PDB file of N, CA and C in Angstrom:
ATOM      1  N   THR A   1     149.671   3.105 -16.098  1.00  0.00           N
ATOM      2  CA  THR A   1     149.685   2.246 -15.022  1.00  0.00           C
ATOM      3  C   THR A   1     149.387   1.041 -16.426  1.00  0.00           C
ATOM      4  N   LYS A   2     149.536  -0.468 -15.996  1.00  0.00           N
ATOM      5  CA  LYS A   2     149.175  -1.103 -17.083  1.00  0.00           C
ATOM      6  C   LYS A   2     147.902  -1.798 -16.723  1.00  0.00           C
ATOM      7  N   PRO A   3     147.230  -1.614 -16.129  1.00  0.00           N
ATOM      8  CA  PRO A   3     145.766  -1.966 -16.151  1.00  0.00           C
ATOM      9  C   PRO A   3     145.003  -0.841 -16.982  1.00  0.00           C
ATOM     10  N   LEU A   4     145.389   0.036 -17.186  1.00  0.00           N
ATOM     11  CA  LEU A   4     144.604   1.267 -17.316  1.00  0.00           C
ATOM     12  C   LEU A   4     145.099   1.405 -18.782  1.00  0.00           C
ATOM     13  N   SER A   5     146.213   0.909 -18.875  1.00  0.00           N
ATOM     14  CA  SER A   5     146.672   0.913 -20.709  1.00  0.00           C
ATOM     15  C   SER A   5     146.114  -0.177 -21.445  1.00  0.00           C
ATOM     16  N   ARG A   6     145.980  -1.309 -20.917  1.00  0.00           N
ATOM     17  CA  ARG A   6     145.204  -2.534 -21.172  1.00  0.00           C
ATOM     18  C   ARG A   6     143.830  -2.224 -21.835  1.00  0.00           C
ATOM     19  N   LEU A   7     143.255  -1.564 -20.381  1.00  0.00           N
ATOM     20  CA  LEU A   7     142.068  -1.180 -21.002  1.00  0.00           C
ATOM     21  C   LEU A   7     141.677   0.100 -21.857  1.00  0.00           C
ATOM     22  N   VAL A   8     142.529   1.120 -22.022  1.00  0.00           N
ATOM     23  CA  VAL A   8     142.117   1.671 -23.239  1.00  0.00           C
ATOM     24  C   VAL A   8     142.634   0.821 -24.494  1.00  0.00           C
ATOM     25  N   TYR A   9     143.418   0.187 -24.812  1.00  0.00           N
ATOM     26  CA  TYR A   9     143.523  -0.526 -25.704  1.00  0.00           C
ATOM     27  C   TYR A   9     142.592  -1.505 -25.924  1.00  0.00           C
ATOM     28  N   THR A  10     142.050  -2.164 -25.000  1.00  0.00           N
ATOM     29  CA  THR A  10     141.021  -3.273 -25.571  1.00  0.00           C
ATOM     30  C   THR A  10     139.718  -2.331 -26.183  1.00  0.00           C
ATOM     31  N   ASN A  11     139.918  -1.200 -25.745  1.00  0.00           N
ATOM     32  CA  ASN A  11     138.433  -0.248 -25.970  1.00  0.00           C
ATOM     33  C   ASN A  11     138.442   0.429 -26.981  1.00  0.00           C
ATOM     34  N   LEU A  12     139.569   0.870 -27.284  1.00  0.00           N
ATOM     35  CA  LEU A  12     139.927   1.849 -28.842  1.00  0.00           C
ATOM     36  C   LEU A  12     139.208   1.762 -29.441  1.00  0.00           C
ATOM     37  N   LYS A  13     139.371   0.742 -30.253  1.00  0.00           N
ATOM     38  CA  LYS A  13     138.078  -0.048 -31.399  1.00  0.00           C
ATOM     39  C   LYS A  13     136.646   0.368 -31.026  1.00  0.00           C
ATOM     40  N   THR A  14     136.537  -0.468 -29.897  1.00  0.00           N
ATOM     41  CA  THR A  14     135.304  -0.641 -29.640  1.00  0.00           C
ATOM     42  C   THR A  14     134.381   0.552 -29.400  1.00  0.00           C
ATOM     43  N   ALA A  15     134.814   1.620 -29.039  1.00  0.00           N
ATOM     44  CA  ALA A  15     134.446   2.784 -28.634  1.00  0.00           C
ATOM     45  C   ALA A  15     134.310   3.616 -29.989  1.00  0.00           C
ATOM     46  N   ARG A  16     134.824   3.657 -30.861  1.00  0.00           N
ATOM     47  CA  ARG A  16     135.065   4.218 -32.033  1.00  0.00           C
ATOM     48  C   ARG A  16     133.804   3.751 -32.925  1.00  0.00           C
ATOM     49  N   THR A  17     133.757   2.447 -33.115  1.00  0.00           N
ATOM     50  CA  THR A  17     132.739   1.168 -33.481  1.00  0.00           C
ATOM     51  C   THR A  17     131.452   2.077 -32.788  1.00  0.00           C
ATOM     52  N   ASP A  18     131.221   2.193 -31.939  1.00  0.00           N
ATOM     53  CA  ASP A  18     130.114   2.262 -31.423  1.00  0.00           C
ATOM     54  C   ASP A  18     129.662   3.375 -31.627  1.00  0.00           C
ATOM     55  N   SER A  19     130.581   4.517 -31.249  1.00  0.00           N
ATOM     56  CA  SER A  19     130.345   6.059 -32.142  1.00  0.00           C
ATOM     57  C   SER A  19     129.667   6.239 -33.197  1.00  0.00           C
ATOM     58  N   VAL A  20     130.351   5.533 -34.307  1.00  0.00           N
ATOM     59  CA  VAL A  20     130.242   5.340 -35.604  1.00  0.00           C
ATOM     60  C   VAL A  20     128.480   4.822 -35.453  1.00  0.00           C
ATOM     61  N   SER A  21     128.374   3.416 -35.082  1.00  0.00           N
ATOM     62  CA  SER A  21     127.135   3.174 -35.113  1.00  0.00           C
ATOM     63  C   SER A  21     126.092   3.891 -34.723  1.00  0.00           C
ATOM     64  N   LEU A  22     126.258   4.491 -33.271  1.00  0.00           N
ATOM     65  CA  LEU A  22     125.081   5.688 -32.617  1.00  0.00           C
ATOM     66  C   LEU A  22     124.592   6.696 -33.824  1.00  0.00           C
ATOM     67  N   GLN A  23     125.667   7.315 -34.666  1.00  0.00           N
ATOM     68  CA  GLN A  23     125.641   8.016 -35.541  1.00  0.00           C
ATOM     69  C   GLN A  23     125.005   7.585 -36.755  1.00  0.00           C
ATOM     70  N   SER A  24     125.169   6.628 -37.420  1.00  0.00           N
ATOM     71  CA  SER A  24     124.410   5.944 -38.199  1.00  0.00           C
ATOM     72  C   SER A  24     123.240   5.506 -38.023  1.00  0.00           C
ATOM     73  N   VAL A  25     122.899   5.147 -36.624  1.00  0.00           N
ATOM     74  CA  VAL A  25     121.411   4.983 -36.332  1.00  0.00           C
ATOM     75  C   VAL A  25     120.720   6.249 -36.270  1.00  0.00           C
ATOM     76  N   ALA A  26     121.376   7.533 -35.394  1.00  0.00           N
ATOM     77  CA  ALA A  26     120.644   8.669 -35.599  1.00  0.00           C
ATOM     78  C   ALA A  26     120.321   9.135 -36.844  1.00  0.00           C
ATOM     79  N   LYS A  27     121.291   9.011 -37.579  1.00  0.00           N
ATOM     80  CA  LYS A  27     121.345   9.462 -39.369  1.00  0.00           C
ATOM     81  C   LYS A  27     120.069   8.902 -39.811  1.00  0.00           C
ATOM     82  N   ARG A  28     119.755   7.643 -39.877  1.00  0.00           N
ATOM     83  CA  ARG A  28     118.954   6.910 -40.224  1.00  0.00           C
ATOM     84  C   ARG A  28     117.698   7.083 -39.692  1.00  0.00           C
ATOM     85  N   PHE A  29     117.440   7.294 -38.372  1.00  0.00           N
ATOM     86  CA  PHE A  29     116.024   7.354 -37.856  1.00  0.00           C
ATOM     87  C   PHE A  29     115.794   8.948 -37.912  1.00  0.00           C
ATOM     88  N   LYS A  30     116.611   9.845 -38.298  1.00  0.00           N
ATOM     89  CA  LYS A  30     116.235  11.270 -37.924  1.00  0.00           C
ATOM     90  C   LYS A  30     114.997  11.726 -39.051  1.00  0.00           C
ATOM     91  N   GLU A  31     114.477  11.149 -40.138  1.00  0.00           N
ATOM     92  CA  GLU A  31     113.361  11.964 -40.818  1.00  0.00           C
ATOM     93  C   GLU A  31     112.285  10.634 -40.190  1.00  0.00           C
ATOM     94  N   PHE A  32     112.276   9.809 -39.842  1.00  0.00           N
ATOM     95  CA  PHE A  32     111.406   9.123 -39.226  1.00  0.00           C
ATOM     96  C   PHE A  32     110.846  10.065 -38.082  1.00  0.00           C
ATOM     97  N   PHE A  33     111.625  10.422 -37.136  1.00  0.00           N
ATOM     98  CA  PHE A  33     111.196  10.992 -35.969  1.00  0.00           C
ATOM     99  C   PHE A  33     110.807  12.248 -36.312  1.00  0.00           C
ATOM    100  N   GLU A  34     111.351  12.961 -36.920  1.00  0.00           N
ATOM    101  CA  GLU A  34     111.018  14.249 -37.379  1.00  0.00           C
ATOM    102  C   GLU A  34     109.611  14.431 -38.026  1.00  0.00           C
ATOM    103  N   LYS A  35     109.133  13.001 -38.615  1.00  0.00           N
ATOM    104  CA  LYS A  35     107.363  13.090 -39.158  1.00  0.00           C
ATOM    105  C   LYS A  35     106.853  12.647 -38.298  1.00  0.00           C
ATOM    106  N   LEU A  36     107.281  12.099 -37.181  1.00  0.00           N
ATOM    107  CA  LEU A  36     106.218  11.919 -36.146  1.00  0.00           C
ATOM    108  C   LEU A  36     105.376  12.869 -35.761  1.00  0.00           C
ATOM    109  N   SER A  37     103.889  12.620 -35.646  1.00  0.00           N
ATOM    110  CA  SER A  37     103.091  13.587 -35.185  1.00  0.00           C
ATOM    111  C   SER A  37     103.345  13.392 -33.221  1.00  0.00           C
ATOM    112  N   GLU A  38     102.590  14.919 -32.889  1.00  0.00           N
ATOM    113  CA  GLU A  38     102.746  14.776 -31.686  1.00  0.00           C
ATOM    114  C   GLU A  38     101.554  13.670 -30.805  1.00  0.00           C
ATOM    115  N   PRO A  39     101.560  12.777 -29.807  1.00  0.00           N
ATOM    116  CA  PRO A  39     100.688  12.225 -29.313  1.00  0.00           C
ATOM    117  C   PRO A  39      99.268  12.913 -28.635  1.00  0.00           C
ATOM    118  N   THR A  40      98.553  11.667 -28.936  1.00  0.00           N
ATOM    119  CA  THR A  40      97.186  12.334 -28.690  1.00  0.00           C
ATOM    120  C   THR A  40      96.786  12.423 -27.144  1.00  0.00           C
ATOM    121  N   ALA A  41      95.486  13.047 -26.229  1.00  0.00           N
ATOM    122  CA  ALA A  41      95.186  12.561 -25.537  1.00  0.00           C
ATOM    123  C   ALA A  41      95.323  11.263 -25.020  1.00  0.00           C
ATOM    124  N   GLU A  42      94.610  10.602 -25.760  1.00  0.00           N
ATOM    125  CA  GLU A  42      94.156   9.282 -25.711  1.00  0.00           C
ATOM    126  C   GLU A  42      95.588   8.172 -25.738  1.00  0.00           C
ATOM    127  N   MET A  43      96.553   8.868 -26.402  1.00  0.00           N
ATOM    128  CA  MET A  43      97.647   7.857 -26.725  1.00  0.00           C
ATOM    129  C   MET A  43      98.609   7.979 -25.309  1.00  0.00           C
ATOM    130  N   ILE A  44      98.212   9.291 -24.624  1.00  0.00           N
ATOM    131  CA  ILE A  44      98.885   9.830 -23.549  1.00  0.00           C
ATOM    132  C   ILE A  44      98.423   8.850 -22.226  1.00  0.00           C
ATOM    133  N   GLU A  45      97.044   8.757 -22.417  1.00  0.00           N
ATOM    134  CA  GLU A  45      96.603   7.958 -21.251  1.00  0.00           C
ATOM    135  C   GLU A  45      96.646   6.563 -21.212  1.00  0.00           C
ATOM    136  N   LYS A  46      96.873   6.374 -22.253  1.00  0.00           N
ATOM    137  CA  LYS A  46      97.099   4.864 -22.897  1.00  0.00           C
ATOM    138  C   LYS A  46      98.105   4.511 -22.371  1.00  0.00           C
ATOM    139  N   ALA A  47      99.606   4.919 -22.687  1.00  0.00           N
ATOM    140  CA  ALA A  47     100.536   5.127 -21.978  1.00  0.00           C
ATOM    141  C   ALA A  47     100.800   4.803 -20.546  1.00  0.00           C
ATOM    142  N   ASN A  48     100.156   5.861 -20.062  1.00  0.00           N
ATOM    143  CA  ASN A  48      99.872   6.101 -18.354  1.00  0.00           C
ATOM    144  C   ASN A  48      99.360   4.886 -17.940  1.00  0.00           C
ATOM    145  N   GLU A  49      98.338   4.268 -18.774  1.00  0.00           N
ATOM    146  CA  GLU A  49      97.657   2.937 -18.213  1.00  0.00           C
ATOM    147  C   GLU A  49      98.882   2.059 -18.300  1.00  0.00           C
ATOM    148  N   LEU A  50      99.012   1.637 -19.206  1.00  0.00           N
ATOM    149  CA  LEU A  50     100.359   0.649 -19.782  1.00  0.00           C
ATOM    150  C   LEU A  50     101.189   0.807 -18.655  1.00  0.00           C
ATOM    151  N   ARG A  51     101.954   1.766 -17.907  1.00  0.00           N
ATOM    152  CA  ARG A  51     103.234   2.399 -17.319  1.00  0.00           C
ATOM    153  C   ARG A  51     102.263   1.990 -15.596  1.00  0.00           C
ATOM    154  N   ALA A  52     101.526   1.979 -15.508  1.00  0.00           N
ATOM    155  CA  ALA A  52     100.969   1.818 -14.290  1.00  0.00           C
ATOM    156  C   ALA A  52     100.528   0.363 -13.819  1.00  0.00           C
ATOM    157  N   VAL A  53     100.389  -0.319 -15.114  1.00  0.00           N
ATOM    158  CA  VAL A  53     100.179  -1.551 -14.996  1.00  0.00           C
ATOM    159  C   VAL A  53     102.005  -2.302 -14.746  1.00  0.00           C
ATOM    160  N   GLU A  54     102.568  -1.633 -15.451  1.00  0.00           N
ATOM    161  CA  GLU A  54     104.335  -2.736 -15.644  1.00  0.00           C
ATOM    162  C   GLU A  54     104.845  -1.939 -13.675  1.00  0.00           C
ATOM    163  N   GLU A  55     104.649  -0.711 -13.425  1.00  0.00           N
ATOM    164  CA  GLU A  55     104.637  -0.025 -12.286  1.00  0.00           C
ATOM    165  C   GLU A  55     104.768  -1.356 -11.277  1.00  0.00           C
ATOM    166  N   THR A  56     103.355  -1.549 -11.529  1.00  0.00           N
ATOM    167  CA  THR A  56     102.576  -2.603 -10.330  1.00  0.00           C
ATOM    168  C   THR A  56     103.262  -4.059 -10.389  1.00  0.00           C
ATOM    169  N   ARG A  57     103.474  -4.383 -11.720  1.00  0.00           N
ATOM    170  CA  ARG A  57     103.971  -5.883 -11.793  1.00  0.00           C
ATOM    171  C   ARG A  57     105.881  -5.626 -10.943  1.00  0.00           C
ATOM    172  N   ARG A  58     106.100  -4.431 -11.506  1.00  0.00           N
ATOM    173  CA  ARG A  58     107.438  -4.209 -10.659  1.00  0.00           C
ATOM    174  C   ARG A  58     107.816  -4.269  -9.114  1.00  0.00           C
ATOM    175  N   LEU A  59     106.440  -3.469  -8.470  1.00  0.00           N
ATOM    176  CA  LEU A  59     106.411  -3.216  -7.083  1.00  0.00           C
ATOM    177  C   LEU A  59     106.659  -5.009  -6.455  1.00  0.00           C
ATOM    178  N   ALA A  60     105.611  -5.595  -7.196  1.00  0.00           N
ATOM    179  CA  ALA A  60     104.879  -7.157  -6.696  1.00  0.00           C
ATOM    180  C   ALA A  60     106.585  -7.716  -6.360  1.00  0.00           C
ATOM    181  N   HIS A  61     107.781  -7.008  -6.999  1.00  0.00           N
ATOM    182  CA  HIS A  61     108.627  -8.148  -6.865  1.00  0.00           C
ATOM    183  C   HIS A  61     110.294  -7.232  -6.362  1.00  0.00           C
ATOM    184  N   ARG A  62     109.857  -6.159  -5.841  1.00  0.00           N
ATOM    185  CA  ARG A  62     110.438  -5.423  -4.983  1.00  0.00           C
ATOM    186  C   ARG A  62     111.141  -6.134  -3.811  1.00  0.00           C
ATOM    187  N   VAL A  63     112.513  -6.025  -3.505  1.00  0.00           N
ATOM    188  CA  VAL A  63     112.783  -6.545  -1.983  1.00  0.00           C
ATOM    189  C   VAL A  63     112.647  -5.432  -1.219  1.00  0.00           C
ATOM    190  N   GLN A  64     112.218  -5.439   0.197  1.00  0.00           N
ATOM    191  CA  GLN A  64     111.994  -4.273   0.734  1.00  0.00           C
ATOM    192  C   GLN A  64     113.332  -4.079   1.437  1.00  0.00           C
ATOM    193  N   SER A  65     114.044  -3.105   1.716  1.00  0.00           N
ATOM    194  CA  SER A  65     115.061  -3.032   2.644  1.00  0.00           C
ATOM    195  C   SER A  65     115.062  -2.505   3.818  1.00  0.00           C
ATOM    196  N   VAL A  66     116.381  -3.445   4.492  1.00  0.00           N
ATOM    197  CA  VAL A  66     115.935  -3.405   6.061  1.00  0.00           C
ATOM    198  C   VAL A  66     116.543  -2.300   6.760  1.00  0.00           C
ATOM    199  N   SER A  67     115.469  -1.884   7.583  1.00  0.00           N
ATOM    200  CA  SER A  67     115.642  -0.501   7.812  1.00  0.00           C
ATOM    201  C   SER A  67     116.690  -0.653   9.389  1.00  0.00           C
ATOM    202  N   GLN A  68     117.645   0.591   9.364  1.00  0.00           N
ATOM    203  CA  GLN A  68     119.179   0.626  10.195  1.00  0.00           C
ATOM    204  C   GLN A  68     118.540   1.053  11.414  1.00  0.00           C
ATOM    205  N   SER A  69     117.875   1.265  11.753  1.00  0.00           N
ATOM    206  CA  SER A  69     117.036   1.655  13.053  1.00  0.00           C
ATOM    207  C   SER A  69     116.988   0.630  14.507  1.00  0.00           C
TER     208      SER A  69
END
């Protein structure tokens, strides 16, 4: 179909570029991530605290759904 061929043509080079970019990022940071140590209990606790703060902020802006009953 014409819309599909237009979409494929438009994204042909973009998809390849994105793939190459992701591969280069993975290659660049592989050594860095391999050298990272496991998080300590304190680090995990701090992350959980920060996540709770962000969740509280998120929930304050949540739109309540209307009940269908």
